Amino acid sequence: MDPVLNTVVWLVQKVISLYIWAIILAALFSMLASFGVIDTRNRMVWTVMDFLERVTRPILNPIRRVIPYLGNIDISPLIAILLLEGLQRLITMVYLRAMMGGY
């Protein structure tokens, strides 16, 4: 087994997992801010929300252009998470096939 390939696959899987968590946190912060639970005028809260919005914008904006809003509900985070989970499964499947000599 190639240790470099193992490391690269592990790293890509972890980055995708972190991105999924960033999407979840961004959606959670957005919901809490819209209900007035957290104060967006607080500098720390605003900084965290701004960071999460900037990190998740590249994947959520293309989905938002394709999928319309359902009333006031934004389902783009859910679709992005499903797509990223599918990507993780695809990477795992290709990796396992390569390790078992399927290519």
PDB file of N, CA and C in Angstrom:
ATOM      1  N   MET A   1       0.839  -1.187   0.000  1.00  0.00           N
ATOM      2  CA  MET A   1       0.000   0.000   0.000  1.00  0.00           C
ATOM      3  C   MET A   1       0.880   1.245   0.000  1.00  0.00           C
ATOM      4  N   ASP A   2       0.435   2.225  -0.741  1.00  0.00           N
ATOM      5  CA  ASP A   2       1.190   3.459  -0.893  1.00  0.00           C
ATOM      6  C   ASP A   2       0.842   4.423   0.248  1.00  0.00           C
ATOM      7  N   PRO A   3       1.813   4.750   1.109  1.00  0.00           N
ATOM      8  CA  PRO A   3       1.510   5.643   2.237  1.00  0.00           C
ATOM      9  C   PRO A   3       1.146   7.059   1.789  1.00  0.00           C
ATOM     10  N   VAL A   4       1.678   7.501   0.657  1.00  0.00           N
ATOM     11  CA  VAL A   4       1.335   8.846   0.174  1.00  0.00           C
ATOM     12  C   VAL A   4      -0.129   8.891  -0.242  1.00  0.00           C
ATOM     13  N   LEU A   5      -0.589   7.866  -0.961  1.00  0.00           N
ATOM     14  CA  LEU A   5      -1.988   7.800  -1.369  1.00  0.00           C
ATOM     15  C   LEU A   5      -2.906   7.720  -0.163  1.00  0.00           C
ATOM     16  N   ASN A   6      -2.501   6.922   0.824  1.00  0.00           N
ATOM     17  CA  ASN A   6      -3.289   6.838   2.064  1.00  0.00           C
ATOM     18  C   ASN A   6      -3.424   8.205   2.716  1.00  0.00           C
ATOM     19  N   THR A   7      -2.333   8.924   2.778  1.00  0.00           N
ATOM     20  CA  THR A   7      -2.341  10.246   3.410  1.00  0.00           C
ATOM     21  C   THR A   7      -3.194  11.234   2.629  1.00  0.00           C
ATOM     22  N   VAL A   8      -3.078  11.218   1.310  1.00  0.00           N
ATOM     23  CA  VAL A   8      -3.853  12.143   0.477  1.00  0.00           C
ATOM     24  C   VAL A   8      -5.346  11.863   0.614  1.00  0.00           C
ATOM     25  N   VAL A   9      -5.731  10.591   0.553  1.00  0.00           N
ATOM     26  CA  VAL A   9      -7.153  10.236   0.686  1.00  0.00           C
ATOM     27  C   VAL A   9      -7.656  10.630   2.065  1.00  0.00           C
ATOM     28  N   TRP A  10      -6.873  10.352   3.103  1.00  0.00           N
ATOM     29  CA  TRP A  10      -7.268  10.730   4.460  1.00  0.00           C
ATOM     30  C   TRP A  10      -7.457  12.241   4.569  1.00  0.00           C
ATOM     31  N   LEU A  11      -6.515  13.005   4.014  1.00  0.00           N
ATOM     32  CA  LEU A  11      -6.583  14.463   4.078  1.00  0.00           C
ATOM     33  C   LEU A  11      -7.802  15.003   3.336  1.00  0.00           C
ATOM     34  N   VAL A  12      -8.067  14.479   2.144  1.00  0.00           N
ATOM     35  CA  VAL A  12      -9.236  14.930   1.370  1.00  0.00           C
ATOM     36  C   VAL A  12     -10.522  14.607   2.124  1.00  0.00           C
ATOM     37  N   GLN A  13     -10.600  13.424   2.715  1.00  0.00           N
ATOM     38  CA  GLN A  13     -11.781  13.044   3.488  1.00  0.00           C
ATOM     39  C   GLN A  13     -11.987  13.991   4.686  1.00  0.00           C
ATOM     40  N   LYS A  14     -10.904  14.336   5.358  1.00  0.00           N
ATOM     41  CA  LYS A  14     -11.006  15.242   6.511  1.00  0.00           C
ATOM     42  C   LYS A  14     -11.411  16.653   6.092  1.00  0.00           C
ATOM     43  N   VAL A  15     -10.875  17.132   4.983  1.00  0.00           N
ATOM     44  CA  VAL A  15     -11.241  18.473   4.491  1.00  0.00           C
ATOM     45  C   VAL A  15     -12.720  18.508   4.130  1.00  0.00           C
ATOM     46  N   ILE A  16     -13.214  17.463   3.474  1.00  0.00           N
ATOM     47  CA  ILE A  16     -14.640  17.407   3.143  1.00  0.00           C
ATOM     48  C   ILE A  16     -15.482  17.374   4.415  1.00  0.00           C
ATOM     49  N   SER A  17     -15.048  16.604   5.410  1.00  0.00           N
ATOM     50  CA  SER A  17     -15.775  16.552   6.688  1.00  0.00           C
ATOM     51  C   SER A  17     -15.801  17.912   7.369  1.00  0.00           C
ATOM     52  N   LEU A  18     -14.676  18.615   7.370  1.00  0.00           N
ATOM     53  CA  LEU A  18     -14.639  19.950   7.959  1.00  0.00           C
ATOM     54  C   LEU A  18     -15.549  20.918   7.204  1.00  0.00           C
ATOM     55  N   TYR A  19     -15.602  20.785   5.889  1.00  0.00           N
ATOM     56  CA  TYR A  19     -16.465  21.644   5.078  1.00  0.00           C
ATOM     57  C   TYR A  19     -17.937  21.372   5.396  1.00  0.00           C
ATOM     58  N   ILE A  20     -18.281  20.104   5.600  1.00  0.00           N
ATOM     59  CA  ILE A  20     -19.655  19.766   5.986  1.00  0.00           C
ATOM     60  C   ILE A  20     -19.989  20.404   7.327  1.00  0.00           C
ATOM     61  N   TRP A  21     -19.064  20.335   8.272  1.00  0.00           N
ATOM     62  CA  TRP A  21     -19.303  20.960   9.578  1.00  0.00           C
ATOM     63  C   TRP A  21     -19.420  22.481   9.458  1.00  0.00           C
ATOM     64  N   ALA A  22     -18.644  23.085   8.575  1.00  0.00           N
ATOM     65  CA  ALA A  22     -18.748  24.530   8.368  1.00  0.00           C
ATOM     66  C   ALA A  22     -20.125  24.893   7.819  1.00  0.00           C
ATOM     67  N   ILE A  23     -20.661  24.083   6.915  1.00  0.00           N
ATOM     68  CA  ILE A  23     -21.999  24.335   6.372  1.00  0.00           C
ATOM     69  C   ILE A  23     -23.049  24.197   7.466  1.00  0.00           C
ATOM     70  N   ILE A  24     -22.921  23.170   8.293  1.00  0.00           N
ATOM     71  CA  ILE A  24     -23.871  22.977   9.396  1.00  0.00           C
ATOM     72  C   ILE A  24     -23.819  24.150  10.362  1.00  0.00           C
ATOM     73  N   LEU A  25     -22.613  24.567  10.733  1.00  0.00           N
ATOM     74  CA  LEU A  25     -22.470  25.698  11.662  1.00  0.00           C
ATOM     75  C   LEU A  25     -22.992  27.000  11.057  1.00  0.00           C
ATOM     76  N   ALA A  26     -22.740  27.215   9.775  1.00  0.00           N
ATOM     77  CA  ALA A  26     -23.234  28.436   9.124  1.00  0.00           C
ATOM     78  C   ALA A  26     -24.758  28.459   9.124  1.00  0.00           C
ATOM     79  N   ALA A  27     -25.373  27.320   8.831  1.00  0.00           N
ATOM     80  CA  ALA A  27     -26.836  27.249   8.846  1.00  0.00           C
ATOM     81  C   ALA A  27     -27.379  27.452  10.259  1.00  0.00           C
ATOM     82  N   LEU A  28     -26.712  26.868  11.237  1.00  0.00           N
ATOM     83  CA  LEU A  28     -27.138  27.007  12.625  1.00  0.00           C
ATOM     84  C   LEU A  28     -27.016  28.454  13.096  1.00  0.00           C
ATOM     85  N   PHE A  29     -25.880  29.091  12.824  1.00  0.00           N
ATOM     86  CA  PHE A  29     -25.698  30.487  13.212  1.00  0.00           C
ATOM     87  C   PHE A  29     -26.715  31.384  12.518  1.00  0.00           C
ATOM     88  N   SER A  30     -26.973  31.117  11.255  1.00  0.00           N
ATOM     89  CA  SER A  30     -27.950  31.914  10.512  1.00  0.00           C
ATOM     90  C   SER A  30     -29.343  31.783  11.123  1.00  0.00           C
ATOM     91  N   MET A  31     -29.710  30.562  11.494  1.00  0.00           N
ATOM     92  CA  MET A  31     -31.013  30.336  12.101  1.00  0.00           C
ATOM     93  C   MET A  31     -31.107  31.017  13.462  1.00  0.00           C
ATOM     94  N   LEU A  32     -30.059  30.879  14.268  1.00  0.00           N
ATOM     95  CA  LEU A  32     -30.067  31.510  15.585  1.00  0.00           C
ATOM     96  C   LEU A  32     -30.109  33.026  15.479  1.00  0.00           C
ATOM     97  N   ALA A  33     -29.430  33.581  14.488  1.00  0.00           N
ATOM     98  CA  ALA A  33     -29.457  35.039  14.290  1.00  0.00           C
ATOM     99  C   ALA A  33     -30.829  35.495  13.820  1.00  0.00           C
ATOM    100  N   SER A  34     -31.465  34.730  12.951  1.00  0.00           N
ATOM    101  CA  SER A  34     -32.775  35.140  12.445  1.00  0.00           C
ATOM    102  C   SER A  34     -33.844  35.081  13.528  1.00  0.00           C
ATOM    103  N   PHE A  35     -33.686  34.180  14.514  1.00  0.00           N
ATOM    104  CA  PHE A  35     -34.629  34.100  15.621  1.00  0.00           C
ATOM    105  C   PHE A  35     -34.258  35.042  16.766  1.00  0.00           C
ATOM    106  N   GLY A  36     -33.147  35.758  16.633  1.00  0.00           N
ATOM    107  CA  GLY A  36     -32.737  36.707  17.654  1.00  0.00           C
ATOM    108  C   GLY A  36     -32.104  36.069  18.877  1.00  0.00           C
ATOM    109  N   VAL A  37     -31.671  34.832  18.772  1.00  0.00           N
ATOM    110  CA  VAL A  37     -31.049  34.146  19.903  1.00  0.00           C
ATOM    111  C   VAL A  37     -29.639  34.668  20.130  1.00  0.00           C
ATOM    112  N   ILE A  38     -28.920  34.932  19.040  1.00  0.00           N
ATOM    113  CA  ILE A  38     -27.585  35.511  19.169  1.00  0.00           C
ATOM    114  C   ILE A  38     -27.594  36.915  18.567  1.00  0.00           C
ATOM    115  N   ASP A  39     -26.753  37.746  19.102  1.00  0.00           N
ATOM    116  CA  ASP A  39     -26.681  39.145  18.684  1.00  0.00           C
ATOM    117  C   ASP A  39     -25.591  39.302  17.633  1.00  0.00           C
ATOM    118  N   THR A  40     -25.990  39.623  16.409  1.00  0.00           N
ATOM    119  CA  THR A  40     -25.012  39.771  15.331  1.00  0.00           C
ATOM    120  C   THR A  40     -24.209  41.057  15.452  1.00  0.00           C
ATOM    121  N   ARG A  41     -24.577  41.940  16.360  1.00  0.00           N
ATOM    122  CA  ARG A  41     -23.783  43.153  16.575  1.00  0.00           C
ATOM    123  C   ARG A  41     -22.562  42.886  17.444  1.00  0.00           C
ATOM    124  N   ASN A  42     -22.561  41.733  18.129  1.00  0.00           N
ATOM    125  CA  ASN A  42     -21.404  41.310  18.907  1.00  0.00           C
ATOM    126  C   ASN A  42     -20.265  41.018  17.939  1.00  0.00           C
ATOM    127  N   ARG A  43     -19.106  41.576  18.194  1.00  0.00           N
ATOM    128  CA  ARG A  43     -17.967  41.469  17.275  1.00  0.00           C
ATOM    129  C   ARG A  43     -17.537  40.015  17.058  1.00  0.00           C
ATOM    130  N   MET A  44     -17.498  39.224  18.117  1.00  0.00           N
ATOM    131  CA  MET A  44     -17.091  37.819  17.991  1.00  0.00           C
ATOM    132  C   MET A  44     -18.103  37.022  17.168  1.00  0.00           C
ATOM    133  N   VAL A  45     -19.384  37.210  17.444  1.00  0.00           N
ATOM    134  CA  VAL A  45     -20.431  36.515  16.696  1.00  0.00           C
ATOM    135  C   VAL A  45     -20.371  36.922  15.233  1.00  0.00           C
ATOM    136  N   TRP A  46     -20.232  38.220  14.983  1.00  0.00           N
ATOM    137  CA  TRP A  46     -20.173  38.698  13.604  1.00  0.00           C
ATOM    138  C   TRP A  46     -18.957  38.119  12.868  1.00  0.00           C
ATOM    139  N   THR A  47     -17.819  38.044  13.553  1.00  0.00           N
ATOM    140  CA  THR A  47     -16.602  37.506  12.936  1.00  0.00           C
ATOM    141  C   THR A  47     -16.779  36.035  12.565  1.00  0.00           C
ATOM    142  N   VAL A  48     -17.351  35.253  13.477  1.00  0.00           N
ATOM    143  CA  VAL A  48     -17.567  33.832  13.204  1.00  0.00           C
ATOM    144  C   VAL A  48     -18.554  33.658  12.053  1.00  0.00           C
ATOM    145  N   MET A  49     -19.654  34.420  12.068  1.00  0.00           N
ATOM    146  CA  MET A  49     -20.645  34.316  11.007  1.00  0.00           C
ATOM    147  C   MET A  49     -20.073  34.747   9.663  1.00  0.00           C
ATOM    148  N   ASP A  50     -19.272  35.800   9.667  1.00  0.00           N
ATOM    149  CA  ASP A  50     -18.655  36.267   8.425  1.00  0.00           C
ATOM    150  C   ASP A  50     -17.692  35.222   7.877  1.00  0.00           C
ATOM    151  N   PHE A  51     -16.890  34.628   8.744  1.00  0.00           N
ATOM    152  CA  PHE A  51     -15.960  33.578   8.309  1.00  0.00           C
ATOM    153  C   PHE A  51     -16.716  32.397   7.712  1.00  0.00           C
ATOM    154  N   LEU A  52     -17.752  31.922   8.418  1.00  0.00           N
ATOM    155  CA  LEU A  52     -18.508  30.770   7.924  1.00  0.00           C
ATOM    156  C   LEU A  52     -19.204  31.087   6.608  1.00  0.00           C
ATOM    157  N   GLU A  53     -19.696  32.307   6.473  1.00  0.00           N
ATOM    158  CA  GLU A  53     -20.368  32.688   5.229  1.00  0.00           C
ATOM    159  C   GLU A  53     -19.379  32.734   4.073  1.00  0.00           C
ATOM    160  N   ARG A  54     -18.194  33.260   4.313  1.00  0.00           N
ATOM    161  CA  ARG A  54     -17.173  33.331   3.262  1.00  0.00           C
ATOM    162  C   ARG A  54     -16.665  31.946   2.864  1.00  0.00           C
ATOM    163  N   VAL A  55     -16.574  31.044   3.829  1.00  0.00           N
ATOM    164  CA  VAL A  55     -16.085  29.701   3.549  1.00  0.00           C
ATOM    165  C   VAL A  55     -17.125  28.887   2.775  1.00  0.00           C
ATOM    166  N   THR A  56     -18.391  29.029   3.132  1.00  0.00           N
ATOM    167  CA  THR A  56     -19.431  28.213   2.517  1.00  0.00           C
ATOM    168  C   THR A  56     -20.018  28.815   1.245  1.00  0.00           C
ATOM    169  N   ARG A  57     -19.790  30.082   1.002  1.00  0.00           N
ATOM    170  CA  ARG A  57     -20.351  30.747  -0.178  1.00  0.00           C
ATOM    171  C   ARG A  57     -19.992  30.069  -1.503  1.00  0.00           C
ATOM    172  N   PRO A  58     -18.729  29.613  -1.719  1.00  0.00           N
ATOM    173  CA  PRO A  58     -18.391  29.018  -3.015  1.00  0.00           C
ATOM    174  C   PRO A  58     -19.213  27.782  -3.386  1.00  0.00           C
ATOM    175  N   ILE A  59     -19.654  27.012  -2.414  1.00  0.00           N
ATOM    176  CA  ILE A  59     -20.448  25.839  -2.755  1.00  0.00           C
ATOM    177  C   ILE A  59     -21.954  26.117  -2.676  1.00  0.00           C
ATOM    178  N   LEU A  60     -22.368  27.022  -1.809  1.00  0.00           N
ATOM    179  CA  LEU A  60     -23.799  27.258  -1.636  1.00  0.00           C
ATOM    180  C   LEU A  60     -24.389  28.167  -2.723  1.00  0.00           C
ATOM    181  N   ASN A  61     -23.643  29.159  -3.175  1.00  0.00           N
ATOM    182  CA  ASN A  61     -24.196  30.077  -4.175  1.00  0.00           C
ATOM    183  C   ASN A  61     -24.572  29.403  -5.488  1.00  0.00           C
ATOM    184  N   PRO A  62     -23.742  28.509  -6.059  1.00  0.00           N
ATOM    185  CA  PRO A  62     -24.188  27.828  -7.288  1.00  0.00           C
ATOM    186  C   PRO A  62     -25.446  26.988  -7.073  1.00  0.00           C
ATOM    187  N   ILE A  63     -25.562  26.366  -5.906  1.00  0.00           N
ATOM    188  CA  ILE A  63     -26.760  25.573  -5.610  1.00  0.00           C
ATOM    189  C   ILE A  63     -27.963  26.492  -5.478  1.00  0.00           C
ATOM    190  N   ARG A  64     -27.792  27.646  -4.850  1.00  0.00           N
ATOM    191  CA  ARG A  64     -28.896  28.602  -4.690  1.00  0.00           C
ATOM    192  C   ARG A  64     -29.385  29.148  -6.025  1.00  0.00           C
ATOM    193  N   ARG A  65     -28.473  29.243  -7.007  1.00  0.00           N
ATOM    194  CA  ARG A  65     -28.891  29.708  -8.327  1.00  0.00           C
ATOM    195  C   ARG A  65     -29.753  28.682  -9.039  1.00  0.00           C
ATOM    196  N   VAL A  66     -29.523  27.400  -8.758  1.00  0.00           N
ATOM    197  CA  VAL A  66     -30.265  26.334  -9.438  1.00  0.00           C
ATOM    198  C   VAL A  66     -31.548  25.981  -8.690  1.00  0.00           C
ATOM    199  N   ILE A  67     -31.463  25.850  -7.380  1.00  0.00           N
ATOM    200  CA  ILE A  67     -32.603  25.437  -6.565  1.00  0.00           C
ATOM    201  C   ILE A  67     -33.291  26.680  -6.011  1.00  0.00           C
ATOM    202  N   PRO A  68     -34.584  26.857  -6.293  1.00  0.00           N
ATOM    203  CA  PRO A  68     -35.285  28.039  -5.771  1.00  0.00           C
ATOM    204  C   PRO A  68     -35.572  27.896  -4.273  1.00  0.00           C
ATOM    205  N   TYR A  69     -35.818  29.034  -3.631  1.00  0.00           N
ATOM    206  CA  TYR A  69     -36.198  29.025  -2.223  1.00  0.00           C
ATOM    207  C   TYR A  69     -37.581  28.418  -2.082  1.00  0.00           C
ATOM    208  N   LEU A  70     -37.806  27.706  -1.013  1.00  0.00           N
ATOM    209  CA  LEU A  70     -39.119  27.154  -0.697  1.00  0.00           C
ATOM    210  C   LEU A  70     -39.722  28.046   0.381  1.00  0.00           C
ATOM    211  N   GLY A  71     -40.373  29.105  -0.042  1.00  0.00           N
ATOM    212  CA  GLY A  71     -40.850  30.097   0.913  1.00  0.00           C
ATOM    213  C   GLY A  71     -39.648  30.834   1.458  1.00  0.00           C
ATOM    214  N   ASN A  72     -39.462  30.815   2.755  1.00  0.00           N
ATOM    215  CA  ASN A  72     -38.289  31.426   3.374  1.00  0.00           C
ATOM    216  C   ASN A  72     -37.258  30.385   3.786  1.00  0.00           C
ATOM    217  N   ILE A  73     -37.396  29.175   3.275  1.00  0.00           N
ATOM    218  CA  ILE A  73     -36.504  28.095   3.664  1.00  0.00           C
ATOM    219  C   ILE A  73     -35.442  27.896   2.588  1.00  0.00           C
ATOM    220  N   ASP A  74     -34.193  27.911   3.008  1.00  0.00           N
ATOM    221  CA  ASP A  74     -33.061  27.699   2.098  1.00  0.00           C
ATOM    222  C   ASP A  74     -32.582  26.262   2.278  1.00  0.00           C
ATOM    223  N   ILE A  75     -32.794  25.431   1.255  1.00  0.00           N
ATOM    224  CA  ILE A  75     -32.383  24.034   1.355  1.00  0.00           C
ATOM    225  C   ILE A  75     -31.012  23.785   0.730  1.00  0.00           C
ATOM    226  N   SER A  76     -30.338  24.847   0.298  1.00  0.00           N
ATOM    227  CA  SER A  76     -29.018  24.661  -0.318  1.00  0.00           C
ATOM    228  C   SER A  76     -27.991  24.023   0.626  1.00  0.00           C
ATOM    229  N   PRO A  77     -27.993  24.318   1.940  1.00  0.00           N
ATOM    230  CA  PRO A  77     -27.047  23.612   2.814  1.00  0.00           C
ATOM    231  C   PRO A  77     -27.291  22.105   2.839  1.00  0.00           C
ATOM    232  N   LEU A  78     -28.546  21.701   2.851  1.00  0.00           N
ATOM    233  CA  LEU A  78     -28.868  20.276   2.855  1.00  0.00           C
ATOM    234  C   LEU A  78     -28.387  19.606   1.571  1.00  0.00           C
ATOM    235  N   ILE A  79     -28.619  20.246   0.436  1.00  0.00           N
ATOM    236  CA  ILE A  79     -28.187  19.690  -0.837  1.00  0.00           C
ATOM    237  C   ILE A  79     -26.665  19.641  -0.907  1.00  0.00           C
ATOM    238  N   ALA A  80     -25.998  20.677  -0.417  1.00  0.00           N
ATOM    239  CA  ALA A  80     -24.532  20.694  -0.418  1.00  0.00           C
ATOM    240  C   ALA A  80     -23.973  19.570   0.449  1.00  0.00           C
ATOM    241  N   ILE A  81     -24.574  19.345   1.600  1.00  0.00           N
ATOM    242  CA  ILE A  81     -24.111  18.267   2.481  1.00  0.00           C
ATOM    243  C   ILE A  81     -24.303  16.915   1.809  1.00  0.00           C
ATOM    244  N   LEU A  82     -25.445  16.712   1.157  1.00  0.00           N
ATOM    245  CA  LEU A  82     -25.683  15.450   0.459  1.00  0.00           C
ATOM    246  C   LEU A  82     -24.681  15.240  -0.670  1.00  0.00           C
ATOM    247  N   LEU A  83     -24.376  16.302  -1.414  1.00  0.00           N
ATOM    248  CA  LEU A  83     -23.392  16.197  -2.488  1.00  0.00           C
ATOM    249  C   LEU A  83     -21.997  15.886  -1.948  1.00  0.00           C
ATOM    250  N   LEU A  84     -21.623  16.542  -0.852  1.00  0.00           N
ATOM    251  CA  LEU A  84     -20.304  16.287  -0.264  1.00  0.00           C
ATOM    252  C   LEU A  84     -20.207  14.879   0.318  1.00  0.00           C
ATOM    253  N   GLU A  85     -21.290  14.404   0.930  1.00  0.00           N
ATOM    254  CA  GLU A  85     -21.305  13.028   1.440  1.00  0.00           C
ATOM    255  C   GLU A  85     -21.170  12.046   0.281  1.00  0.00           C
ATOM    256  N   GLY A  86     -21.848  12.318  -0.832  1.00  0.00           N
ATOM    257  CA  GLY A  86     -21.716  11.469  -2.006  1.00  0.00           C
ATOM    258  C   GLY A  86     -20.301  11.470  -2.546  1.00  0.00           C
ATOM    259  N   LEU A  87     -19.664  12.642  -2.538  1.00  0.00           N
ATOM    260  CA  LEU A  87     -18.271  12.739  -2.975  1.00  0.00           C
ATOM    261  C   LEU A  87     -17.358  11.918  -2.071  1.00  0.00           C
ATOM    262  N   GLN A  88     -17.599  11.979  -0.769  1.00  0.00           N
ATOM    263  CA  GLN A  88     -16.799  11.173   0.164  1.00  0.00           C
ATOM    264  C   GLN A  88     -16.952   9.682  -0.120  1.00  0.00           C
ATOM    265  N   ARG A  89     -18.173   9.251  -0.369  1.00  0.00           N
ATOM    266  CA  ARG A  89     -18.405   7.830  -0.666  1.00  0.00           C
ATOM    267  C   ARG A  89     -17.732   7.428  -1.970  1.00  0.00           C
ATOM    268  N   LEU A  90     -17.785   8.307  -2.963  1.00  0.00           N
ATOM    269  CA  LEU A  90     -17.144   8.019  -4.249  1.00  0.00           C
ATOM    270  C   LEU A  90     -15.631   7.890  -4.085  1.00  0.00           C
ATOM    271  N   ILE A  91     -15.045   8.803  -3.333  1.00  0.00           N
ATOM    272  CA  ILE A  91     -13.599   8.748  -3.084  1.00  0.00           C
ATOM    273  C   ILE A  91     -13.236   7.451  -2.360  1.00  0.00           C
ATOM    274  N   THR A  92     -14.021   7.088  -1.370  1.00  0.00           N
ATOM    275  CA  THR A  92     -13.766   5.854  -0.626  1.00  0.00           C
ATOM    276  C   THR A  92     -13.878   4.637  -1.535  1.00  0.00           C
ATOM    277  N   MET A  93     -14.896   4.610  -2.386  1.00  0.00           N
ATOM    278  CA  MET A  93     -15.084   3.483  -3.285  1.00  0.00           C
ATOM    279  C   MET A  93     -13.924   3.354  -4.264  1.00  0.00           C
ATOM    280  N   VAL A  94     -13.507   4.457  -4.860  1.00  0.00           N
ATOM    281  CA  VAL A  94     -12.390   4.428  -5.805  1.00  0.00           C
ATOM    282  C   VAL A  94     -11.104   4.023  -5.086  1.00  0.00           C
ATOM    283  N   TYR A  95     -10.894   4.543  -3.904  1.00  0.00           N
ATOM    284  CA  TYR A  95      -9.698   4.203  -3.132  1.00  0.00           C
ATOM    285  C   TYR A  95      -9.653   2.711  -2.795  1.00  0.00           C
ATOM    286  N   LEU A  96     -10.776   2.184  -2.337  1.00  0.00           N
ATOM    287  CA  LEU A  96     -10.814   0.761  -1.976  1.00  0.00           C
ATOM    288  C   LEU A  96     -10.603  -0.131  -3.193  1.00  0.00           C
ATOM    289  N   ARG A  97     -11.177   0.251  -4.325  1.00  0.00           N
ATOM    290  CA  ARG A  97     -10.954  -0.522  -5.543  1.00  0.00           C
ATOM    291  C   ARG A  97      -9.485  -0.484  -5.975  1.00  0.00           C
ATOM    292  N   ALA A  98      -8.877   0.674  -5.814  1.00  0.00           N
ATOM    293  CA  ALA A  98      -7.462   0.794  -6.173  1.00  0.00           C
ATOM    294  C   ALA A  98      -6.597  -0.042  -5.228  1.00  0.00           C
ATOM    295  N   MET A  99      -6.957  -0.082  -3.952  1.00  0.00           N
ATOM    296  CA  MET A  99      -6.179  -0.859  -2.992  1.00  0.00           C
ATOM    297  C   MET A  99      -6.347  -2.359  -3.204  1.00  0.00           C
ATOM    298  N   MET A 100      -7.502  -2.774  -3.703  1.00  0.00           N
ATOM    299  CA  MET A 100      -7.746  -4.203  -3.912  1.00  0.00           C
ATOM    300  C   MET A 100      -7.308  -4.651  -5.293  1.00  0.00           C
ATOM    301  N   GLY A 101      -6.736  -3.739  -6.070  1.00  0.00           N
ATOM    302  CA  GLY A 101      -6.226  -4.102  -7.383  1.00  0.00           C
ATOM    303  C   GLY A 101      -7.308  -4.168  -8.437  1.00  0.00           C
ATOM    304  N   GLY A 102      -8.364  -3.386  -8.255  1.00  0.00           N
ATOM    305  CA  GLY A 102      -9.466  -3.396  -9.209  1.00  0.00           C
ATOM    306  C   GLY A 102      -9.193  -2.652 -10.498  1.00  0.00           C
ATOM    307  N   TYR A 103      -8.074  -1.916 -10.561  1.00  0.00           N
ATOM    308  CA  TYR A 103      -7.780  -1.159 -11.783  1.00  0.00           C
ATOM    309  C   TYR A 103      -6.700  -1.826 -12.575  1.00  0.00           C
TER     310      TYR A 103
END
